[in-house]
Amino acid sequence: MNILAFSDLHHSKAKAEALVSMSQEADLVIGAGDFCNMRQGLEDAMRMLDGIGCPMVVVPGNAESAEELRDAAGADTIVLHGAETEFEGLRLFGLGYGVPLTPFGPWSCDLDEAAAAAMLQPCRTADILVTHSPPRGVADATSNGMSVGSESIREAIERVQPMLALCGHIHDSWGQSGRIGKTQVCNLGPSGRAFEVSP
C-alpha cells in the first residue's frame, strides 16, 4: 500500500498543490495536524486539498480543534483524536494537539501529559500511530537543541510498537526520523513523505 503522509501545512497553497500532485500515486493520505494557522483559515486550507482523490486520515494539530477539523473535513476524510480506524487491513490510531502544553497561548489546542496518556490508553495495537506531537527524544529538537517531545506519546510507542509513528509540530525537526524499538518515528513536515506498507 502506498501512503503519502505530511504535517504542518499551515495554509500553504504551494505545499497543498504539491501534495495533491503527489497523492495521485497514493492509496491513503495521512495528515498529522496544523492545516491552518492559529485557528484561522481551516476551511480554506482543507479545500486546497480537495484534489486528493484517495481517502485521508488526519489528526488535529494545535492550530485547530478536533471539532473544527471534523466540520471542515471532506466526506472521505477520517478525523482521529484518541481514536482508531482501519483501512484495508491497516490499523491506525491517532492523537492530535500539542503535547505537552505549548507556550503559544489560548488559541493553541494542547493536552498535558496526563490527558494525552489517558487518550492513548485505549490504543492496544496499531500498525501506524499518527500524532501531531513527536515522542520525547526522537525528531523533537528545537533550533537550540532542546528536546520538547511528549513522554506519553513515547510511552505509547514503547508499549504498542507500531510499524510507523508519524508526527510533526516541531518545525526544526521536519524530515528527521529515528527508532523507538521496532518503530520508525518520522517528523513529516509539509513537503510530504511516501511510505510503502503492508498490513
N, C-alpha and C. Protein backbone atom coordinates (compact mmCIF):
# COMPACT_ATOMS: atom_id res chain seq x y z
N MET A 1 0.84 -1.19 0.00
CA MET A 1 0.00 0.00 0.00
C MET A 1 0.88 1.25 0.00
N ASN A 2 0.55 2.20 -0.84
CA ASN A 2 1.29 3.45 -0.91
C ASN A 2 0.61 4.51 -0.04
N ILE A 3 1.36 5.06 0.89
CA ILE A 3 0.84 6.09 1.78
C ILE A 3 1.64 7.37 1.59
N LEU A 4 0.94 8.49 1.46
CA LEU A 4 1.56 9.81 1.46
C LEU A 4 1.21 10.46 2.79
N ALA A 5 2.22 10.90 3.53
CA ALA A 5 1.98 11.49 4.84
C ALA A 5 2.65 12.86 4.94
N PHE A 6 1.99 13.79 5.63
CA PHE A 6 2.53 15.14 5.79
C PHE A 6 2.02 15.73 7.10
N SER A 7 2.63 16.83 7.50
CA SER A 7 2.16 17.58 8.66
C SER A 7 2.37 19.07 8.39
N ASP A 8 1.75 19.90 9.21
CA ASP A 8 2.07 21.33 9.26
C ASP A 8 1.94 22.04 7.92
N LEU A 9 0.82 21.83 7.28
CA LEU A 9 0.54 22.55 6.02
C LEU A 9 0.50 24.05 6.24
N HIS A 10 -0.07 24.47 7.35
CA HIS A 10 -0.15 25.89 7.73
C HIS A 10 -0.64 26.77 6.58
N HIS A 11 -1.70 26.28 5.92
CA HIS A 11 -2.43 27.07 4.93
C HIS A 11 -1.55 27.49 3.74
N SER A 12 -0.56 26.67 3.40
CA SER A 12 0.32 26.98 2.27
C SER A 12 -0.27 26.44 0.97
N LYS A 13 -0.64 27.35 0.08
CA LYS A 13 -1.22 26.93 -1.20
C LYS A 13 -0.22 26.14 -2.03
N ALA A 14 1.04 26.57 -2.05
CA ALA A 14 2.06 25.87 -2.83
C ALA A 14 2.29 24.46 -2.32
N LYS A 15 2.35 24.31 -1.00
CA LYS A 15 2.55 22.97 -0.43
C LYS A 15 1.33 22.09 -0.69
N ALA A 16 0.13 22.67 -0.58
CA ALA A 16 -1.09 21.91 -0.84
C ALA A 16 -1.13 21.42 -2.29
N GLU A 17 -0.77 22.28 -3.23
CA GLU A 17 -0.76 21.88 -4.63
C GLU A 17 0.23 20.74 -4.87
N ALA A 18 1.39 20.81 -4.24
CA ALA A 18 2.38 19.75 -4.39
C ALA A 18 1.88 18.44 -3.79
N LEU A 19 1.21 18.52 -2.65
CA LEU A 19 0.68 17.31 -2.01
C LEU A 19 -0.42 16.68 -2.86
N VAL A 20 -1.28 17.50 -3.43
CA VAL A 20 -2.34 16.97 -4.31
C VAL A 20 -1.70 16.23 -5.48
N SER A 21 -0.67 16.80 -6.06
CA SER A 21 0.02 16.15 -7.18
C SER A 21 0.66 14.83 -6.74
N MET A 22 1.33 14.85 -5.60
CA MET A 22 1.98 13.63 -5.09
C MET A 22 0.97 12.54 -4.76
N SER A 23 -0.24 12.94 -4.37
CA SER A 23 -1.23 11.97 -3.91
C SER A 23 -1.77 11.09 -5.02
N GLN A 24 -1.50 11.43 -6.27
CA GLN A 24 -2.02 10.62 -7.37
C GLN A 24 -1.47 9.20 -7.34
N GLU A 25 -0.33 9.01 -6.70
CA GLU A 25 0.28 7.68 -6.59
C GLU A 25 -0.10 6.98 -5.29
N ALA A 26 -0.90 7.62 -4.44
CA ALA A 26 -1.17 7.10 -3.09
C ALA A 26 -2.49 6.36 -3.00
N ASP A 27 -2.53 5.38 -2.10
CA ASP A 27 -3.78 4.70 -1.74
C ASP A 27 -4.44 5.36 -0.54
N LEU A 28 -3.62 6.01 0.29
CA LEU A 28 -4.10 6.66 1.51
C LEU A 28 -3.19 7.85 1.78
N VAL A 29 -3.80 8.96 2.23
CA VAL A 29 -3.05 10.14 2.65
C VAL A 29 -3.28 10.35 4.14
N ILE A 30 -2.20 10.62 4.85
CA ILE A 30 -2.25 10.87 6.29
C ILE A 30 -1.78 12.29 6.56
N GLY A 31 -2.57 13.05 7.31
CA GLY A 31 -2.20 14.42 7.69
C GLY A 31 -2.07 14.52 9.20
N ALA A 32 -0.87 14.91 9.66
CA ALA A 32 -0.59 14.91 11.10
C ALA A 32 -0.74 16.30 11.73
N GLY A 33 -1.78 17.03 11.32
CA GLY A 33 -2.17 18.24 12.03
C GLY A 33 -1.54 19.53 11.56
N ASP A 34 -2.10 20.64 12.06
CA ASP A 34 -1.75 22.01 11.72
C ASP A 34 -1.98 22.30 10.24
N PHE A 35 -3.24 22.23 9.85
CA PHE A 35 -3.63 22.54 8.47
C PHE A 35 -3.74 24.04 8.26
N CYS A 36 -4.05 24.78 9.34
CA CYS A 36 -4.22 26.23 9.24
C CYS A 36 -3.27 26.93 10.20
N ASN A 37 -3.55 28.19 10.51
CA ASN A 37 -2.71 28.99 11.40
C ASN A 37 -3.56 29.60 12.51
N MET A 38 -3.22 29.29 13.74
CA MET A 38 -3.85 29.94 14.89
C MET A 38 -5.38 29.94 14.82
N ARG A 39 -5.96 28.80 14.42
CA ARG A 39 -7.41 28.57 14.35
C ARG A 39 -8.07 29.39 13.24
N GLN A 40 -7.30 29.91 12.29
CA GLN A 40 -7.85 30.74 11.22
C GLN A 40 -7.60 30.08 9.86
N GLY A 41 -8.63 30.12 8.99
CA GLY A 41 -8.46 29.67 7.61
C GLY A 41 -8.52 28.17 7.41
N LEU A 42 -9.11 27.44 8.35
CA LEU A 42 -9.10 25.98 8.26
C LEU A 42 -9.93 25.47 7.08
N GLU A 43 -11.13 26.02 6.90
CA GLU A 43 -11.97 25.54 5.79
C GLU A 43 -11.28 25.74 4.45
N ASP A 44 -10.64 26.87 4.27
CA ASP A 44 -9.93 27.14 3.02
C ASP A 44 -8.74 26.19 2.87
N ALA A 45 -8.02 25.95 3.96
CA ALA A 45 -6.87 25.04 3.90
C ALA A 45 -7.31 23.63 3.50
N MET A 46 -8.42 23.18 4.04
CA MET A 46 -8.90 21.84 3.68
C MET A 46 -9.41 21.79 2.25
N ARG A 47 -10.00 22.88 1.78
CA ARG A 47 -10.44 22.94 0.38
C ARG A 47 -9.27 22.84 -0.58
N MET A 48 -8.12 23.37 -0.17
CA MET A 48 -6.94 23.30 -1.04
C MET A 48 -6.48 21.85 -1.25
N LEU A 49 -6.95 20.95 -0.40
CA LEU A 49 -6.59 19.53 -0.51
C LEU A 49 -7.68 18.72 -1.21
N ASP A 50 -8.71 19.38 -1.72
CA ASP A 50 -9.84 18.69 -2.34
C ASP A 50 -9.42 17.81 -3.52
N GLY A 51 -8.32 18.15 -4.16
CA GLY A 51 -7.87 17.36 -5.31
C GLY A 51 -7.31 16.00 -4.97
N ILE A 52 -7.14 15.74 -3.68
CA ILE A 52 -6.67 14.42 -3.26
C ILE A 52 -7.80 13.43 -3.49
N GLY A 53 -7.56 12.44 -4.33
CA GLY A 53 -8.63 11.54 -4.75
C GLY A 53 -8.79 10.29 -3.92
N CYS A 54 -7.86 10.03 -3.01
CA CYS A 54 -7.96 8.82 -2.18
C CYS A 54 -8.39 9.22 -0.77
N PRO A 55 -8.76 8.26 0.07
CA PRO A 55 -9.16 8.58 1.44
C PRO A 55 -8.02 9.24 2.22
N MET A 56 -8.42 10.04 3.21
CA MET A 56 -7.46 10.69 4.11
C MET A 56 -7.77 10.33 5.55
N VAL A 57 -6.73 10.14 6.35
CA VAL A 57 -6.83 10.01 7.80
C VAL A 57 -6.01 11.15 8.39
N VAL A 58 -6.63 11.95 9.26
CA VAL A 58 -5.96 13.14 9.79
C VAL A 58 -6.16 13.23 11.30
N VAL A 59 -5.24 13.94 11.95
CA VAL A 59 -5.40 14.32 13.35
C VAL A 59 -5.32 15.85 13.43
N PRO A 60 -5.96 16.46 14.42
CA PRO A 60 -5.85 17.91 14.58
C PRO A 60 -4.49 18.27 15.15
N GLY A 61 -3.96 19.41 14.70
CA GLY A 61 -2.75 19.93 15.32
C GLY A 61 -3.11 20.83 16.49
N ASN A 62 -2.17 21.66 16.91
CA ASN A 62 -2.53 22.64 17.93
C ASN A 62 -3.12 23.90 17.31
N ALA A 63 -3.13 23.96 15.96
CA ALA A 63 -3.69 25.14 15.28
C ALA A 63 -5.16 24.99 14.95
N GLU A 64 -5.76 23.82 15.22
CA GLU A 64 -7.20 23.62 15.00
C GLU A 64 -7.70 22.60 16.02
N SER A 65 -8.95 22.74 16.42
CA SER A 65 -9.53 21.77 17.35
C SER A 65 -10.05 20.57 16.58
N ALA A 66 -10.29 19.49 17.30
CA ALA A 66 -10.85 18.29 16.68
C ALA A 66 -12.22 18.59 16.07
N GLU A 67 -13.03 19.37 16.77
CA GLU A 67 -14.36 19.70 16.27
C GLU A 67 -14.26 20.56 15.01
N GLU A 68 -13.37 21.52 15.02
CA GLU A 68 -13.19 22.37 13.85
C GLU A 68 -12.73 21.56 12.64
N LEU A 69 -11.83 20.60 12.90
CA LEU A 69 -11.32 19.79 11.80
C LEU A 69 -12.41 18.86 11.25
N ARG A 70 -13.22 18.28 12.13
CA ARG A 70 -14.33 17.43 11.66
C ARG A 70 -15.31 18.23 10.81
N ASP A 71 -15.58 19.47 11.22
CA ASP A 71 -16.51 20.31 10.46
C ASP A 71 -15.95 20.67 9.09
N ALA A 72 -14.64 20.84 8.99
CA ALA A 72 -14.03 21.29 7.74
C ALA A 72 -13.61 20.14 6.82
N ALA A 73 -13.53 18.92 7.36
CA ALA A 73 -13.03 17.79 6.59
C ALA A 73 -14.04 17.32 5.55
N GLY A 74 -13.52 16.78 4.45
CA GLY A 74 -14.37 16.25 3.40
C GLY A 74 -14.94 14.89 3.77
N ALA A 75 -15.82 14.40 2.92
CA ALA A 75 -16.53 13.15 3.19
C ALA A 75 -15.60 11.95 3.26
N ASP A 76 -14.49 11.98 2.53
CA ASP A 76 -13.55 10.86 2.51
C ASP A 76 -12.42 11.04 3.51
N THR A 77 -12.60 11.92 4.49
CA THR A 77 -11.56 12.19 5.49
C THR A 77 -12.02 11.73 6.86
N ILE A 78 -11.21 10.90 7.50
CA ILE A 78 -11.48 10.42 8.86
C ILE A 78 -10.60 11.21 9.82
N VAL A 79 -11.23 11.82 10.82
CA VAL A 79 -10.50 12.58 11.83
C VAL A 79 -10.36 11.72 13.08
N LEU A 80 -9.11 11.50 13.49
CA LEU A 80 -8.83 10.71 14.69
C LEU A 80 -8.27 11.61 15.79
N HIS A 81 -8.81 11.46 16.99
CA HIS A 81 -8.27 12.17 18.15
C HIS A 81 -8.61 11.32 19.37
N GLY A 82 -7.67 10.47 19.75
CA GLY A 82 -7.94 9.48 20.79
C GLY A 82 -8.80 8.35 20.27
N ALA A 83 -8.63 8.02 19.00
CA ALA A 83 -9.49 7.02 18.36
C ALA A 83 -8.70 6.25 17.31
N GLU A 84 -9.32 5.16 16.84
CA GLU A 84 -8.66 4.30 15.86
C GLU A 84 -9.56 4.10 14.65
N THR A 85 -8.96 3.64 13.58
CA THR A 85 -9.71 3.25 12.39
C THR A 85 -8.92 2.16 11.68
N GLU A 86 -9.56 1.53 10.72
CA GLU A 86 -8.89 0.50 9.92
C GLU A 86 -9.08 0.84 8.45
N PHE A 87 -8.02 0.69 7.68
CA PHE A 87 -8.09 0.94 6.25
C PHE A 87 -7.43 -0.22 5.53
N GLU A 88 -8.24 -1.01 4.84
CA GLU A 88 -7.76 -2.15 4.06
C GLU A 88 -6.80 -3.03 4.87
N GLY A 89 -7.21 -3.32 6.10
CA GLY A 89 -6.44 -4.19 6.98
C GLY A 89 -5.35 -3.50 7.77
N LEU A 90 -5.15 -2.19 7.54
CA LEU A 90 -4.14 -1.42 8.25
C LEU A 90 -4.79 -0.73 9.44
N ARG A 91 -4.25 -0.94 10.61
CA ARG A 91 -4.81 -0.37 11.84
C ARG A 91 -4.09 0.94 12.18
N LEU A 92 -4.88 2.01 12.31
CA LEU A 92 -4.32 3.33 12.62
C LEU A 92 -4.95 3.88 13.89
N PHE A 93 -4.13 4.50 14.73
CA PHE A 93 -4.61 5.19 15.92
C PHE A 93 -4.06 6.60 15.87
N GLY A 94 -4.90 7.58 16.21
CA GLY A 94 -4.48 8.97 16.11
C GLY A 94 -4.74 9.78 17.36
N LEU A 95 -3.84 10.72 17.63
CA LEU A 95 -4.00 11.68 18.72
C LEU A 95 -3.45 13.03 18.27
N GLY A 96 -4.28 14.04 18.31
CA GLY A 96 -3.85 15.36 17.90
C GLY A 96 -3.40 16.24 19.05
N TYR A 97 -3.28 17.55 18.74
CA TYR A 97 -2.97 18.62 19.69
C TYR A 97 -1.48 18.65 20.06
N GLY A 98 -1.10 19.77 20.66
CA GLY A 98 0.25 19.92 21.17
C GLY A 98 0.39 19.21 22.50
N VAL A 99 1.37 18.34 22.61
CA VAL A 99 1.66 17.61 23.86
C VAL A 99 3.17 17.64 24.07
N PRO A 100 3.65 18.13 25.22
CA PRO A 100 2.91 18.72 26.34
C PRO A 100 2.40 20.12 25.98
N LEU A 101 1.89 20.83 26.99
CA LEU A 101 1.33 22.15 26.77
C LEU A 101 2.35 23.07 26.12
N THR A 102 1.89 23.83 25.14
CA THR A 102 2.78 24.77 24.43
C THR A 102 2.75 26.13 25.11
N PRO A 103 3.70 27.00 24.77
CA PRO A 103 3.69 28.36 25.33
C PRO A 103 2.94 29.36 24.46
N PHE A 104 2.12 28.88 23.51
CA PHE A 104 1.58 29.77 22.48
C PHE A 104 0.34 30.54 22.89
N GLY A 105 -0.26 30.21 24.02
CA GLY A 105 -1.39 30.99 24.47
C GLY A 105 -2.73 30.32 24.22
N PRO A 106 -3.83 31.05 24.46
CA PRO A 106 -5.16 30.44 24.48
C PRO A 106 -5.66 29.91 23.15
N TRP A 107 -5.10 30.37 22.02
CA TRP A 107 -5.56 29.84 20.73
C TRP A 107 -5.10 28.41 20.50
N SER A 108 -4.04 27.99 21.16
CA SER A 108 -3.42 26.70 20.87
C SER A 108 -4.18 25.55 21.53
N CYS A 109 -4.44 24.51 20.75
CA CYS A 109 -5.12 23.31 21.25
C CYS A 109 -4.06 22.35 21.79
N ASP A 110 -4.01 22.20 23.10
CA ASP A 110 -2.96 21.44 23.75
C ASP A 110 -3.54 20.42 24.72
N LEU A 111 -2.71 19.43 25.06
CA LEU A 111 -3.01 18.47 26.12
C LEU A 111 -1.81 18.38 27.04
N ASP A 112 -2.05 18.26 28.33
CA ASP A 112 -0.93 17.94 29.21
C ASP A 112 -0.64 16.45 29.11
N GLU A 113 0.46 16.02 29.70
CA GLU A 113 0.88 14.63 29.53
C GLU A 113 -0.14 13.65 30.11
N ALA A 114 -0.77 13.99 31.22
CA ALA A 114 -1.74 13.07 31.83
C ALA A 114 -2.96 12.89 30.93
N ALA A 115 -3.45 13.98 30.35
CA ALA A 115 -4.60 13.88 29.46
C ALA A 115 -4.25 13.10 28.20
N ALA A 116 -3.06 13.34 27.67
CA ALA A 116 -2.63 12.60 26.48
C ALA A 116 -2.50 11.12 26.78
N ALA A 117 -1.92 10.78 27.93
CA ALA A 117 -1.77 9.37 28.30
C ALA A 117 -3.12 8.68 28.41
N ALA A 118 -4.10 9.38 28.97
CA ALA A 118 -5.44 8.81 29.09
C ALA A 118 -6.06 8.56 27.73
N MET A 119 -5.85 9.47 26.79
CA MET A 119 -6.42 9.31 25.45
C MET A 119 -5.68 8.25 24.63
N LEU A 120 -4.42 8.00 24.97
CA LEU A 120 -3.64 6.97 24.27
C LEU A 120 -3.85 5.58 24.86
N GLN A 121 -4.38 5.51 26.07
CA GLN A 121 -4.52 4.23 26.76
C GLN A 121 -5.34 3.20 25.98
N PRO A 122 -6.43 3.60 25.28
CA PRO A 122 -7.19 2.60 24.52
C PRO A 122 -6.43 1.98 23.35
N CYS A 123 -5.30 2.56 22.97
CA CYS A 123 -4.53 2.03 21.85
C CYS A 123 -3.76 0.80 22.31
N ARG A 124 -4.28 -0.36 21.95
CA ARG A 124 -3.65 -1.63 22.35
C ARG A 124 -2.79 -2.21 21.24
N THR A 125 -3.18 -1.95 20.01
CA THR A 125 -2.43 -2.44 18.86
C THR A 125 -2.64 -1.48 17.70
N ALA A 126 -1.60 -1.24 16.94
CA ALA A 126 -1.71 -0.35 15.78
C ALA A 126 -0.55 -0.62 14.85
N ASP A 127 -0.81 -0.50 13.57
CA ASP A 127 0.27 -0.54 12.58
C ASP A 127 0.90 0.84 12.43
N ILE A 128 0.07 1.88 12.50
CA ILE A 128 0.55 3.26 12.38
C ILE A 128 -0.07 4.10 13.49
N LEU A 129 0.79 4.78 14.24
CA LEU A 129 0.35 5.76 15.23
C LEU A 129 0.58 7.14 14.64
N VAL A 130 -0.49 7.93 14.54
CA VAL A 130 -0.41 9.28 13.99
C VAL A 130 -0.65 10.27 15.12
N THR A 131 0.34 11.10 15.41
CA THR A 131 0.20 12.13 16.44
C THR A 131 0.69 13.45 15.86
N HIS A 132 0.15 14.54 16.36
CA HIS A 132 0.70 15.82 15.92
C HIS A 132 2.08 16.04 16.54
N SER A 133 2.19 15.76 17.82
CA SER A 133 3.45 15.99 18.53
C SER A 133 4.36 14.77 18.43
N PRO A 134 5.68 15.00 18.42
CA PRO A 134 6.61 13.88 18.39
C PRO A 134 6.81 13.27 19.78
N PRO A 135 7.36 12.07 19.83
CA PRO A 135 7.71 11.49 21.12
C PRO A 135 8.97 12.15 21.68
N ARG A 136 9.09 12.13 22.97
CA ARG A 136 10.28 12.70 23.62
C ARG A 136 11.55 11.99 23.14
N GLY A 137 12.50 12.79 22.69
CA GLY A 137 13.82 12.25 22.38
C GLY A 137 14.05 11.83 20.95
N VAL A 138 13.02 11.88 20.09
CA VAL A 138 13.19 11.50 18.69
C VAL A 138 12.50 12.55 17.80
N ALA A 139 13.25 13.15 16.90
CA ALA A 139 12.70 14.13 15.95
C ALA A 139 11.90 15.21 16.65
N ASP A 140 12.40 15.66 17.81
CA ASP A 140 11.65 16.63 18.62
C ASP A 140 12.51 17.79 19.09
N ALA A 141 13.64 18.04 18.43
CA ALA A 141 14.56 19.08 18.89
C ALA A 141 14.24 20.42 18.26
N THR A 142 14.27 21.48 19.07
CA THR A 142 14.13 22.83 18.58
C THR A 142 15.48 23.30 18.02
N SER A 143 15.49 24.51 17.50
CA SER A 143 16.72 25.03 16.88
C SER A 143 17.87 25.16 17.87
N ASN A 144 17.54 25.29 19.16
CA ASN A 144 18.61 25.37 20.17
C ASN A 144 18.94 24.01 20.78
N GLY A 145 18.39 22.94 20.17
CA GLY A 145 18.73 21.58 20.61
C GLY A 145 17.90 21.05 21.76
N MET A 146 16.90 21.80 22.19
CA MET A 146 16.07 21.35 23.30
C MET A 146 15.08 20.29 22.84
N SER A 147 14.99 19.20 23.58
CA SER A 147 14.05 18.12 23.30
C SER A 147 12.70 18.46 23.92
N VAL A 148 11.67 18.61 23.08
CA VAL A 148 10.38 19.10 23.58
C VAL A 148 9.23 18.14 23.25
N GLY A 149 9.55 16.90 22.92
CA GLY A 149 8.52 15.93 22.59
C GLY A 149 7.78 15.43 23.81
N SER A 150 6.85 14.52 23.57
CA SER A 150 5.92 14.05 24.60
C SER A 150 6.37 12.73 25.21
N GLU A 151 6.40 12.69 26.54
CA GLU A 151 6.70 11.46 27.26
C GLU A 151 5.58 10.43 27.08
N SER A 152 4.32 10.90 27.10
CA SER A 152 3.20 9.96 27.00
C SER A 152 3.13 9.33 25.61
N ILE A 153 3.46 10.10 24.57
CA ILE A 153 3.50 9.54 23.22
C ILE A 153 4.64 8.53 23.11
N ARG A 154 5.78 8.85 23.69
CA ARG A 154 6.89 7.90 23.67
C ARG A 154 6.51 6.60 24.39
N GLU A 155 5.85 6.73 25.54
CA GLU A 155 5.44 5.54 26.29
C GLU A 155 4.46 4.70 25.48
N ALA A 156 3.55 5.35 24.76
CA ALA A 156 2.60 4.61 23.92
C ALA A 156 3.32 3.86 22.81
N ILE A 157 4.30 4.50 22.21
CA ILE A 157 5.08 3.83 21.15
C ILE A 157 5.83 2.63 21.73
N GLU A 158 6.44 2.80 22.88
CA GLU A 158 7.17 1.70 23.52
C GLU A 158 6.24 0.54 23.84
N ARG A 159 5.02 0.86 24.24
CA ARG A 159 4.05 -0.17 24.64
C ARG A 159 3.46 -0.89 23.44
N VAL A 160 3.09 -0.14 22.40
CA VAL A 160 2.35 -0.70 21.26
C VAL A 160 3.28 -1.20 20.16
N GLN A 161 4.41 -0.52 19.97
CA GLN A 161 5.38 -0.84 18.93
C GLN A 161 4.75 -0.91 17.53
N PRO A 162 4.13 0.20 17.11
CA PRO A 162 3.60 0.23 15.74
C PRO A 162 4.73 0.19 14.72
N MET A 163 4.40 -0.14 13.52
CA MET A 163 5.38 -0.13 12.43
C MET A 163 5.91 1.29 12.21
N LEU A 164 4.98 2.27 12.19
CA LEU A 164 5.31 3.66 11.95
C LEU A 164 4.68 4.54 13.02
N ALA A 165 5.41 5.57 13.46
CA ALA A 165 4.86 6.63 14.29
C ALA A 165 5.10 7.93 13.53
N LEU A 166 4.03 8.55 13.05
CA LEU A 166 4.12 9.72 12.19
C LEU A 166 3.68 10.95 12.96
N CYS A 167 4.45 12.04 12.86
CA CYS A 167 4.19 13.23 13.66
C CYS A 167 4.66 14.48 12.92
N GLY A 168 4.59 15.61 13.58
CA GLY A 168 5.03 16.88 13.03
C GLY A 168 5.34 17.83 14.17
N HIS A 169 4.72 19.04 14.12
CA HIS A 169 4.68 20.01 15.22
C HIS A 169 5.98 20.78 15.42
N ILE A 170 7.10 20.09 15.57
CA ILE A 170 8.37 20.77 15.81
C ILE A 170 9.03 21.05 14.46
N HIS A 171 8.90 22.27 14.00
CA HIS A 171 9.32 22.62 12.64
C HIS A 171 10.81 22.41 12.43
N ASP A 172 11.61 22.64 13.46
CA ASP A 172 13.05 22.48 13.31
C ASP A 172 13.46 21.03 13.08
N SER A 173 12.56 20.10 13.34
CA SER A 173 12.86 18.68 13.17
C SER A 173 12.14 18.05 11.98
N TRP A 174 11.52 18.88 11.12
CA TRP A 174 10.89 18.33 9.92
C TRP A 174 11.90 17.50 9.13
N GLY A 175 11.45 16.34 8.68
CA GLY A 175 12.29 15.46 7.88
C GLY A 175 13.18 14.54 8.69
N GLN A 176 13.20 14.73 9.99
CA GLN A 176 14.04 13.86 10.83
C GLN A 176 13.29 12.59 11.21
N SER A 177 14.05 11.54 11.45
CA SER A 177 13.45 10.27 11.85
C SER A 177 14.40 9.54 12.80
N GLY A 178 13.87 8.53 13.42
CA GLY A 178 14.65 7.71 14.35
C GLY A 178 13.83 6.48 14.71
N ARG A 179 14.32 5.72 15.67
CA ARG A 179 13.61 4.50 16.06
C ARG A 179 13.39 4.46 17.56
N ILE A 180 12.26 3.89 17.92
CA ILE A 180 11.97 3.52 19.31
C ILE A 180 11.61 2.04 19.26
N GLY A 181 12.53 1.18 19.64
CA GLY A 181 12.31 -0.25 19.48
C GLY A 181 12.18 -0.61 18.01
N LYS A 182 11.08 -1.25 17.67
CA LYS A 182 10.84 -1.65 16.28
C LYS A 182 10.16 -0.55 15.46
N THR A 183 9.81 0.55 16.10
CA THR A 183 9.02 1.60 15.46
C THR A 183 9.89 2.65 14.78
N GLN A 184 9.59 2.92 13.52
CA GLN A 184 10.22 4.04 12.82
C GLN A 184 9.40 5.30 13.11
N VAL A 185 10.05 6.30 13.68
CA VAL A 185 9.42 7.58 14.01
C VAL A 185 9.83 8.60 12.96
N CYS A 186 8.86 9.32 12.39
CA CYS A 186 9.15 10.30 11.34
C CYS A 186 8.42 11.60 11.64
N ASN A 187 9.16 12.69 11.74
CA ASN A 187 8.59 14.03 11.79
C ASN A 187 8.44 14.49 10.34
N LEU A 188 7.23 14.62 9.87
CA LEU A 188 6.94 14.67 8.44
C LEU A 188 7.23 16.00 7.78
N GLY A 189 6.62 17.07 8.27
CA GLY A 189 6.71 18.35 7.59
C GLY A 189 5.78 18.43 6.40
N PRO A 190 5.64 19.62 5.79
CA PRO A 190 4.63 19.84 4.77
C PRO A 190 5.01 19.39 3.37
N SER A 191 6.24 18.98 3.15
CA SER A 191 6.64 18.55 1.81
C SER A 191 6.14 17.14 1.47
N GLY A 192 5.73 16.39 2.49
CA GLY A 192 5.18 15.06 2.26
C GLY A 192 6.25 13.99 2.15
N ARG A 193 5.88 12.82 2.56
CA ARG A 193 6.79 11.68 2.51
C ARG A 193 5.98 10.44 2.15
N ALA A 194 6.52 9.64 1.25
CA ALA A 194 5.84 8.42 0.79
C ALA A 194 6.35 7.22 1.57
N PHE A 195 5.42 6.32 1.89
CA PHE A 195 5.74 5.09 2.59
C PHE A 195 5.07 3.93 1.86
N GLU A 196 5.76 2.82 1.75
CA GLU A 196 5.18 1.59 1.22
C GLU A 196 5.01 0.64 2.39
N VAL A 197 3.77 0.29 2.72
CA VAL A 197 3.50 -0.55 3.89
C VAL A 197 2.59 -1.71 3.51
N SER A 198 2.69 -2.77 4.31
CA SER A 198 1.81 -3.92 4.15
C SER A 198 1.13 -4.19 5.48
N PRO A 199 -0.19 -4.40 5.48
CA PRO A 199 -0.89 -4.68 6.74
C PRO A 199 -0.35 -5.93 7.43
